[in-house]
Amino acid sequence: MTTTISQKAAREMLGTPENFSGGVLVTKNGVAELFIQTAAEREEELVARSMERQSNALLKLAMLAKQDVDNQRVMTPEEALRRRKEARNK
């Protein structure tokens, strides 16, 4: 649902934090020009984006690990520790 208000009313609403409780899409001649949101909404958006990136990274790691197993590029935990110690000592 779209609500039309005057520029004066929009300025008053956006200039008074207690009256502004959510995102506002500003249009010009029916074309979206600007989206204004509260700091809390922006923080939520950033947290959600970060969580999505972390989920994608974990999925990628799982897919790479599966490829390693499929290609028989595996080692025992003891071998992994031995190689790690050797790399540190170099």
C-alpha atoms as a PDB file:
ATOM      1  CA  MET A   1       0.000   0.000   0.000  1.00  0.00           C
ATOM      2  CA  THR A   2       1.345   3.430  -0.932  1.00  0.00           C
ATOM      3  CA  THR A   3       0.596   6.547   1.044  1.00  0.00           C
ATOM      4  CA  THR A   4       1.022   9.995  -0.445  1.00  0.00           C
ATOM      5  CA  ILE A   5       2.015  12.831   1.860  1.00  0.00           C
ATOM      6  CA  SER A   6       3.291  16.334   1.292  1.00  0.00           C
ATOM      7  CA  GLN A   7       6.988  17.164   1.319  1.00  0.00           C
ATOM      8  CA  LYS A   8       6.424  19.260   4.431  1.00  0.00           C
ATOM      9  CA  ALA A   9       4.757  16.332   6.224  1.00  0.00           C
ATOM     10  CA  ALA A  10       7.592  14.027   5.135  1.00  0.00           C
ATOM     11  CA  ARG A  11      10.241  16.432   6.464  1.00  0.00           C
ATOM     12  CA  GLU A  12       8.407  16.736   9.768  1.00  0.00           C
ATOM     13  CA  MET A  13       8.001  12.984  10.085  1.00  0.00           C
ATOM     14  CA  LEU A  14      11.631  12.224   9.256  1.00  0.00           C
ATOM     15  CA  GLY A  15      12.874  15.067  11.434  1.00  0.00           C
ATOM     16  CA  THR A  16      11.118  13.737  14.530  1.00  0.00           C
ATOM     17  CA  PRO A  17      12.592  10.385  15.631  1.00  0.00           C
ATOM     18  CA  GLU A  18       9.599   9.446  17.770  1.00  0.00           C
ATOM     19  CA  ASN A  19       7.353   9.726  14.692  1.00  0.00           C
ATOM     20  CA  PHE A  20       9.691   7.724  12.453  1.00  0.00           C
ATOM     21  CA  SER A  21       9.448   4.039  13.205  1.00  0.00           C
ATOM     22  CA  GLY A  22      10.253   2.312   9.937  1.00  0.00           C
ATOM     23  CA  GLY A  23      11.701   2.452   6.475  1.00  0.00           C
ATOM     24  CA  VAL A  24      10.513   5.079   4.041  1.00  0.00           C
ATOM     25  CA  LEU A  25      10.830   4.810   0.287  1.00  0.00           C
ATOM     26  CA  VAL A  26      11.155   8.243  -1.285  1.00  0.00           C
ATOM     27  CA  THR A  27      10.044   8.473  -4.894  1.00  0.00           C
ATOM     28  CA  LYS A  28      10.249  11.143  -7.532  1.00  0.00           C
ATOM     29  CA  ASN A  29       7.712  10.944 -10.339  1.00  0.00           C
ATOM     30  CA  GLY A  30       6.934   7.385  -9.262  1.00  0.00           C
ATOM     31  CA  VAL A  31      10.576   6.221  -9.422  1.00  0.00           C
ATOM     32  CA  ALA A  32      12.352   5.089  -6.266  1.00  0.00           C
ATOM     33  CA  GLU A  33      15.071   7.589  -5.410  1.00  0.00           C
ATOM     34  CA  LEU A  34      15.980   6.899  -1.791  1.00  0.00           C
ATOM     35  CA  PHE A  35      15.252   4.467   1.017  1.00  0.00           C
ATOM     36  CA  ILE A  36      15.523   5.741   4.582  1.00  0.00           C
ATOM     37  CA  GLN A  37      15.640   3.329   7.502  1.00  0.00           C
ATOM     38  CA  THR A  38      16.266   3.470  11.215  1.00  0.00           C
ATOM     39  CA  ALA A  39      19.628   2.557  12.687  1.00  0.00           C
ATOM     40  CA  ALA A  40      18.028  -0.527  14.274  1.00  0.00           C
ATOM     41  CA  GLU A  41      16.698  -1.690  10.900  1.00  0.00           C
ATOM     42  CA  ARG A  42      20.116  -1.164   9.325  1.00  0.00           C
ATOM     43  CA  GLU A  43      21.819  -3.113  12.115  1.00  0.00           C
ATOM     44  CA  GLU A  44      19.357  -6.003  11.639  1.00  0.00           C
ATOM     45  CA  GLU A  45      20.085  -5.967   7.913  1.00  0.00           C
ATOM     46  CA  LEU A  46      23.847  -6.055   8.491  1.00  0.00           C
ATOM     47  CA  VAL A  47      23.584  -8.908  11.023  1.00  0.00           C
ATOM     48  CA  ALA A  48      21.411 -10.937   8.636  1.00  0.00           C
ATOM     49  CA  ARG A  49      23.862 -10.319   5.772  1.00  0.00           C
ATOM     50  CA  SER A  50      26.802 -11.379   7.963  1.00  0.00           C
ATOM     51  CA  MET A  51      25.026 -14.569   9.020  1.00  0.00           C
ATOM     52  CA  GLU A  52      24.226 -15.383   5.399  1.00  0.00           C
ATOM     53  CA  ARG A  53      27.880 -14.901   4.416  1.00  0.00           C
ATOM     54  CA  GLN A  54      29.026 -17.158   7.259  1.00  0.00           C
ATOM     55  CA  SER A  55      26.518 -19.833   6.237  1.00  0.00           C
ATOM     56  CA  ASN A  56      27.701 -19.653   2.635  1.00  0.00           C
ATOM     57  CA  ALA A  57      31.336 -19.922   3.750  1.00  0.00           C
ATOM     58  CA  LEU A  58      30.577 -23.009   5.871  1.00  0.00           C
ATOM     59  CA  LEU A  59      28.703 -24.604   2.984  1.00  0.00           C
ATOM     60  CA  LYS A  60      31.656 -23.957   0.684  1.00  0.00           C
ATOM     61  CA  LEU A  61      34.051 -25.539   3.200  1.00  0.00           C
ATOM     62  CA  ALA A  62      31.808 -28.584   3.493  1.00  0.00           C
ATOM     63  CA  MET A  63      31.674 -28.922  -0.305  1.00  0.00           C
ATOM     64  CA  LEU A  64      35.474 -28.661  -0.557  1.00  0.00           C
ATOM     65  CA  ALA A  65      35.874 -31.286   2.163  1.00  0.00           C
ATOM     66  CA  LYS A  66      33.489 -33.604   0.312  1.00  0.00           C
ATOM     67  CA  GLN A  67      35.522 -33.145  -2.879  1.00  0.00           C
ATOM     68  CA  ASP A  68      38.691 -34.015  -0.951  1.00  0.00           C
ATOM     69  CA  VAL A  69      37.110 -37.218   0.358  1.00  0.00           C
ATOM     70  CA  ASP A  70      35.756 -38.110  -3.105  1.00  0.00           C
ATOM     71  CA  ASN A  71      39.259 -37.615  -4.574  1.00  0.00           C
ATOM     72  CA  GLN A  72      40.835 -39.596  -1.719  1.00  0.00           C
ATOM     73  CA  ARG A  73      42.801 -36.590  -0.469  1.00  0.00           C
ATOM     74  CA  VAL A  74      42.437 -37.550   3.178  1.00  0.00           C
ATOM     75  CA  MET A  75      44.750 -38.134   6.122  1.00  0.00           C
ATOM     76  CA  THR A  76      44.487 -39.313   9.682  1.00  0.00           C
ATOM     77  CA  PRO A  77      44.364 -36.747  12.497  1.00  0.00           C
ATOM     78  CA  GLU A  78      47.822 -37.912  13.552  1.00  0.00           C
ATOM     79  CA  GLU A  79      49.212 -37.245  10.055  1.00  0.00           C
ATOM     80  CA  ALA A  80      47.620 -33.788  10.007  1.00  0.00           C
ATOM     81  CA  LEU A  81      49.217 -32.920  13.378  1.00  0.00           C
ATOM     82  CA  ARG A  82      52.599 -34.250  12.244  1.00  0.00           C
ATOM     83  CA  ARG A  83      52.479 -32.133   9.071  1.00  0.00           C
ATOM     84  CA  ARG A  84      51.424 -29.080  11.066  1.00  0.00           C
ATOM     85  CA  LYS A  85      54.347 -29.496  13.470  1.00  0.00           C
ATOM     86  CA  GLU A  86      56.756 -29.918  10.559  1.00  0.00           C
ATOM     87  CA  ALA A  87      55.448 -26.739   8.917  1.00  0.00           C
ATOM     88  CA  ARG A  88      55.903 -24.781  12.162  1.00  0.00           C
ATOM     89  CA  ASN A  89      59.496 -25.983  12.564  1.00  0.00           C
ATOM     90  CA  LYS A  90      60.542 -24.767   9.111  1.00  0.00           C
END
